[in-house]
């Protein structure tokens, strides 16, 4: 039986999907320099605590971006990081506009 209300896609669900895509891309390209550290910080960024406290997610994302900037990583990984950045900005904009996430 289908629910009476369809699932409403939110900026937060897009952000979660971007993190999952990033993790999958790093895992697929593993091993490469600092891929273990990237996986650790990606998992931290995706954690329930980070979702509940977006400042923690921002800190994890900053570490991920720095690792990517300072090392040779596959282009696909770098592109996925930027997608997470864009999605996090959308979440912050939605929060500022008072949208329910």
N, C-alpha and C. Protein backbone atom coordinates (compact mmCIF):
# COMPACT_ATOMS: atom_id res chain seq x y z
N UNK A 1 0.84 -1.17 0.00
CA UNK A 1 0.00 0.00 0.00
C UNK A 1 0.89 1.24 0.00
N UNK A 2 0.58 2.21 -0.83
CA UNK A 2 1.34 3.44 -0.90
C UNK A 2 0.93 4.39 0.21
N UNK A 3 1.90 5.11 0.74
CA UNK A 3 1.52 6.09 1.77
C UNK A 3 0.65 7.18 1.16
N UNK A 4 -0.17 7.78 1.99
CA UNK A 4 -1.08 8.79 1.48
C UNK A 4 -0.35 10.06 1.05
N UNK A 5 0.81 10.32 1.63
CA UNK A 5 1.57 11.50 1.25
C UNK A 5 2.89 11.04 0.64
N UNK A 6 3.21 11.55 -0.52
CA UNK A 6 4.47 11.19 -1.15
C UNK A 6 5.63 11.79 -0.38
N UNK A 7 6.75 11.10 -0.45
CA UNK A 7 7.96 11.57 0.18
C UNK A 7 8.37 12.90 -0.42
N UNK A 8 8.62 13.88 0.42
CA UNK A 8 9.05 15.19 -0.05
C UNK A 8 10.57 15.27 0.04
N UNK A 9 11.19 15.46 -1.10
CA UNK A 9 12.64 15.56 -1.15
C UNK A 9 13.07 16.88 -0.53
N UNK A 10 14.08 16.84 0.32
CA UNK A 10 14.55 18.04 0.98
C UNK A 10 16.02 18.27 0.67
N UNK A 11 16.49 19.46 1.01
CA UNK A 11 17.90 19.79 0.83
C UNK A 11 18.76 18.85 1.68
N UNK A 12 18.27 18.45 2.82
CA UNK A 12 19.04 17.56 3.69
C UNK A 12 19.18 16.17 3.07
N UNK A 13 18.15 15.68 2.40
CA UNK A 13 18.26 14.38 1.74
C UNK A 13 19.23 14.45 0.56
N UNK A 14 19.24 15.58 -0.14
CA UNK A 14 20.22 15.78 -1.22
C UNK A 14 21.64 15.78 -0.66
N UNK A 15 21.82 16.43 0.49
CA UNK A 15 23.14 16.47 1.12
C UNK A 15 23.59 15.08 1.52
N UNK A 16 22.70 14.32 2.11
CA UNK A 16 23.04 12.95 2.49
C UNK A 16 23.44 12.14 1.26
N UNK A 17 22.70 12.29 0.19
CA UNK A 17 23.03 11.59 -1.05
C UNK A 17 24.38 11.98 -1.60
N UNK A 18 24.73 13.27 -1.50
CA UNK A 18 26.03 13.73 -1.98
C UNK A 18 27.17 13.12 -1.16
N UNK A 19 26.99 13.04 0.16
CA UNK A 19 28.00 12.38 1.01
C UNK A 19 28.13 10.91 0.62
N UNK A 20 27.02 10.23 0.39
CA UNK A 20 27.07 8.82 0.03
C UNK A 20 27.77 8.61 -1.30
N UNK A 21 27.51 9.49 -2.26
CA UNK A 21 28.17 9.40 -3.56
C UNK A 21 29.67 9.62 -3.41
N UNK A 22 30.04 10.61 -2.60
CA UNK A 22 31.46 10.87 -2.34
C UNK A 22 32.13 9.65 -1.72
N UNK A 23 31.50 9.07 -0.72
CA UNK A 23 32.10 7.90 -0.06
C UNK A 23 32.27 6.76 -1.04
N UNK A 24 31.27 6.52 -1.85
CA UNK A 24 31.33 5.43 -2.84
C UNK A 24 32.45 5.67 -3.84
N UNK A 25 32.63 6.91 -4.26
CA UNK A 25 33.68 7.23 -5.23
C UNK A 25 35.07 7.04 -4.63
N UNK A 26 35.25 7.45 -3.38
CA UNK A 26 36.54 7.25 -2.70
C UNK A 26 36.80 5.76 -2.53
N UNK A 27 35.80 5.01 -2.11
CA UNK A 27 35.97 3.57 -1.93
C UNK A 27 36.30 2.88 -3.25
N UNK A 28 35.68 3.33 -4.33
CA UNK A 28 35.93 2.73 -5.64
C UNK A 28 37.36 3.00 -6.11
N UNK A 29 37.86 4.19 -5.85
CA UNK A 29 39.20 4.58 -6.29
C UNK A 29 40.31 4.13 -5.33
N UNK A 30 39.95 3.70 -4.14
CA UNK A 30 40.90 3.28 -3.10
C UNK A 30 41.76 2.13 -3.63
N UNK A 31 43.05 2.09 -3.37
CA UNK A 31 43.82 3.04 -2.57
C UNK A 31 44.44 4.13 -3.43
N UNK A 32 44.53 5.30 -2.86
CA UNK A 32 45.29 6.42 -3.41
C UNK A 32 45.76 7.23 -2.21
N UNK A 33 46.71 8.15 -2.38
CA UNK A 33 47.25 8.88 -1.23
C UNK A 33 46.14 9.51 -0.38
N UNK A 34 46.18 9.20 0.90
CA UNK A 34 45.25 9.74 1.90
C UNK A 34 43.81 9.25 1.76
N UNK A 35 43.57 8.21 1.00
CA UNK A 35 42.19 7.72 0.86
C UNK A 35 41.64 7.19 2.18
N UNK A 36 42.49 6.60 3.00
CA UNK A 36 42.02 6.12 4.31
C UNK A 36 41.56 7.29 5.18
N UNK A 37 42.35 8.35 5.20
CA UNK A 37 41.96 9.54 5.97
C UNK A 37 40.68 10.15 5.42
N UNK A 38 40.56 10.19 4.10
CA UNK A 38 39.34 10.72 3.50
C UNK A 38 38.12 9.92 3.94
N UNK A 39 38.23 8.60 3.88
CA UNK A 39 37.10 7.75 4.30
C UNK A 39 36.72 8.02 5.75
N UNK A 40 37.72 8.16 6.61
CA UNK A 40 37.46 8.44 8.02
C UNK A 40 36.67 9.74 8.18
N UNK A 41 37.13 10.80 7.54
CA UNK A 41 36.46 12.10 7.70
C UNK A 41 35.13 12.15 6.98
N UNK A 42 34.99 11.42 5.89
CA UNK A 42 33.69 11.32 5.21
C UNK A 42 32.69 10.64 6.13
N UNK A 43 33.10 9.54 6.75
CA UNK A 43 32.21 8.86 7.69
C UNK A 43 31.82 9.77 8.84
N UNK A 44 32.77 10.57 9.31
CA UNK A 44 32.47 11.52 10.37
C UNK A 44 31.45 12.56 9.89
N UNK A 45 31.63 13.04 8.67
CA UNK A 45 30.70 14.03 8.12
C UNK A 45 29.31 13.49 7.91
N UNK A 46 29.21 12.18 7.67
CA UNK A 46 27.92 11.54 7.43
C UNK A 46 27.24 11.07 8.72
N UNK A 47 27.95 11.14 9.84
CA UNK A 47 27.43 10.58 11.09
C UNK A 47 26.17 11.31 11.56
N UNK A 48 25.41 10.64 12.38
CA UNK A 48 24.19 11.20 12.92
C UNK A 48 24.49 12.48 13.70
N UNK A 49 25.58 12.49 14.46
CA UNK A 49 25.94 13.68 15.21
C UNK A 49 26.20 14.86 14.29
N UNK A 50 26.83 14.61 13.15
CA UNK A 50 27.10 15.69 12.21
C UNK A 50 25.83 16.19 11.54
N UNK A 51 24.90 15.31 11.28
CA UNK A 51 23.63 15.72 10.69
C UNK A 51 22.84 16.57 11.70
N UNK A 52 22.92 16.20 12.96
CA UNK A 52 22.20 16.94 13.99
C UNK A 52 22.87 18.27 14.33
N UNK A 53 24.19 18.34 14.11
CA UNK A 53 24.97 19.54 14.42
C UNK A 53 25.80 19.88 13.19
N UNK A 54 25.25 20.68 12.31
CA UNK A 54 25.89 20.94 11.02
C UNK A 54 27.27 21.58 11.14
N UNK A 55 27.58 22.20 12.28
CA UNK A 55 28.93 22.73 12.46
C UNK A 55 29.96 21.60 12.45
N UNK A 56 29.60 20.45 13.00
CA UNK A 56 30.50 19.29 12.95
C UNK A 56 30.68 18.81 11.51
N UNK A 57 29.59 18.85 10.75
CA UNK A 57 29.68 18.44 9.35
C UNK A 57 30.58 19.41 8.58
N UNK A 58 30.43 20.70 8.85
CA UNK A 58 31.28 21.69 8.19
C UNK A 58 32.75 21.45 8.50
N UNK A 59 33.04 21.11 9.75
CA UNK A 59 34.43 20.85 10.15
C UNK A 59 34.98 19.62 9.42
N UNK A 60 34.18 18.57 9.34
CA UNK A 60 34.61 17.36 8.63
C UNK A 60 34.80 17.66 7.15
N UNK A 61 33.90 18.44 6.57
CA UNK A 61 34.01 18.77 5.15
C UNK A 61 35.25 19.63 4.89
N UNK A 62 35.56 20.53 5.79
CA UNK A 62 36.77 21.34 5.64
C UNK A 62 38.01 20.44 5.61
N UNK A 63 38.06 19.46 6.50
CA UNK A 63 39.19 18.51 6.50
C UNK A 63 39.25 17.74 5.19
N UNK A 64 38.10 17.28 4.71
CA UNK A 64 38.05 16.54 3.44
C UNK A 64 38.55 17.43 2.30
N UNK A 65 38.07 18.66 2.26
CA UNK A 65 38.50 19.58 1.19
C UNK A 65 40.00 19.84 1.24
N UNK A 66 40.55 19.98 2.44
CA UNK A 66 41.98 20.22 2.58
C UNK A 66 42.80 19.01 2.13
N UNK A 67 42.36 17.82 2.48
CA UNK A 67 43.05 16.61 2.05
C UNK A 67 43.04 16.51 0.53
N UNK A 68 41.89 16.78 -0.06
CA UNK A 68 41.77 16.72 -1.52
C UNK A 68 42.65 17.78 -2.18
N UNK A 69 42.68 18.98 -1.61
CA UNK A 69 43.47 20.08 -2.20
C UNK A 69 44.97 19.80 -2.12
N UNK A 70 45.41 19.08 -1.10
CA UNK A 70 46.83 18.88 -0.87
C UNK A 70 47.37 17.57 -1.44
N UNK A 71 46.52 16.77 -2.05
CA UNK A 71 46.94 15.47 -2.55
C UNK A 71 46.39 15.24 -3.95
N UNK A 72 47.03 14.32 -4.64
CA UNK A 72 46.54 13.93 -5.97
C UNK A 72 45.44 12.91 -5.76
N UNK A 73 44.22 13.32 -6.06
CA UNK A 73 43.07 12.43 -5.93
C UNK A 73 42.41 12.35 -7.30
N UNK A 74 41.67 11.28 -7.54
CA UNK A 74 40.94 11.18 -8.82
C UNK A 74 40.00 12.38 -9.00
N UNK A 75 39.87 12.83 -10.24
CA UNK A 75 39.00 13.96 -10.54
C UNK A 75 37.57 13.74 -10.06
N UNK A 76 37.10 12.50 -10.16
CA UNK A 76 35.73 12.19 -9.74
C UNK A 76 35.53 12.46 -8.25
N UNK A 77 36.57 12.17 -7.46
CA UNK A 77 36.49 12.41 -6.01
C UNK A 77 36.40 13.92 -5.76
N UNK A 78 37.25 14.68 -6.41
CA UNK A 78 37.23 16.14 -6.24
C UNK A 78 35.87 16.72 -6.65
N UNK A 79 35.30 16.21 -7.72
CA UNK A 79 33.98 16.68 -8.17
C UNK A 79 32.91 16.35 -7.13
N UNK A 80 33.00 15.18 -6.54
CA UNK A 80 32.02 14.78 -5.52
C UNK A 80 32.13 15.65 -4.28
N UNK A 81 33.36 16.03 -3.91
CA UNK A 81 33.55 16.91 -2.77
C UNK A 81 32.84 18.24 -3.03
N UNK A 82 33.00 18.77 -4.22
CA UNK A 82 32.36 20.04 -4.55
C UNK A 82 30.83 19.91 -4.54
N UNK A 83 30.33 18.74 -4.90
CA UNK A 83 28.88 18.51 -4.84
C UNK A 83 28.39 18.54 -3.39
N UNK A 84 29.18 17.97 -2.48
CA UNK A 84 28.82 18.03 -1.06
C UNK A 84 28.81 19.48 -0.59
N UNK A 85 29.83 20.24 -0.99
CA UNK A 85 29.91 21.66 -0.62
C UNK A 85 28.65 22.39 -1.09
N UNK A 86 28.28 22.20 -2.33
CA UNK A 86 27.10 22.87 -2.88
C UNK A 86 25.83 22.47 -2.14
N UNK A 87 25.71 21.18 -1.83
CA UNK A 87 24.51 20.72 -1.12
C UNK A 87 24.46 21.25 0.30
N UNK A 88 25.60 21.34 0.96
CA UNK A 88 25.62 21.91 2.31
C UNK A 88 25.21 23.38 2.27
N UNK A 89 25.66 24.11 1.26
CA UNK A 89 25.26 25.50 1.11
C UNK A 89 23.74 25.61 0.90
N UNK A 90 23.16 24.68 0.15
CA UNK A 90 21.71 24.67 -0.05
C UNK A 90 20.97 24.41 1.26
N UNK A 91 21.50 23.51 2.07
CA UNK A 91 20.89 23.23 3.38
C UNK A 91 20.93 24.49 4.24
N UNK A 92 22.08 25.14 4.27
CA UNK A 92 22.20 26.36 5.07
C UNK A 92 21.24 27.44 4.57
N UNK A 93 21.08 27.56 3.27
CA UNK A 93 20.14 28.53 2.71
C UNK A 93 18.71 28.17 3.10
N UNK A 94 18.37 26.89 3.06
CA UNK A 94 17.03 26.45 3.43
C UNK A 94 16.75 26.76 4.91
N UNK A 95 17.75 26.54 5.74
CA UNK A 95 17.59 26.83 7.17
C UNK A 95 17.38 28.33 7.36
N UNK A 96 18.16 29.13 6.66
CA UNK A 96 18.05 30.59 6.78
C UNK A 96 16.67 31.07 6.34
N UNK A 97 16.06 30.37 5.38
CA UNK A 97 14.72 30.74 4.90
C UNK A 97 13.62 30.15 5.75
N UNK A 98 14.01 29.37 6.75
CA UNK A 98 13.04 28.80 7.66
C UNK A 98 12.34 27.54 7.15
N UNK A 99 12.91 26.90 6.14
CA UNK A 99 12.31 25.67 5.62
C UNK A 99 12.47 24.53 6.60
N UNK A 100 11.50 23.65 6.60
CA UNK A 100 11.56 22.46 7.44
C UNK A 100 12.41 21.42 6.71
N UNK A 101 13.40 20.89 7.39
CA UNK A 101 14.26 19.87 6.83
C UNK A 101 13.86 18.57 7.42
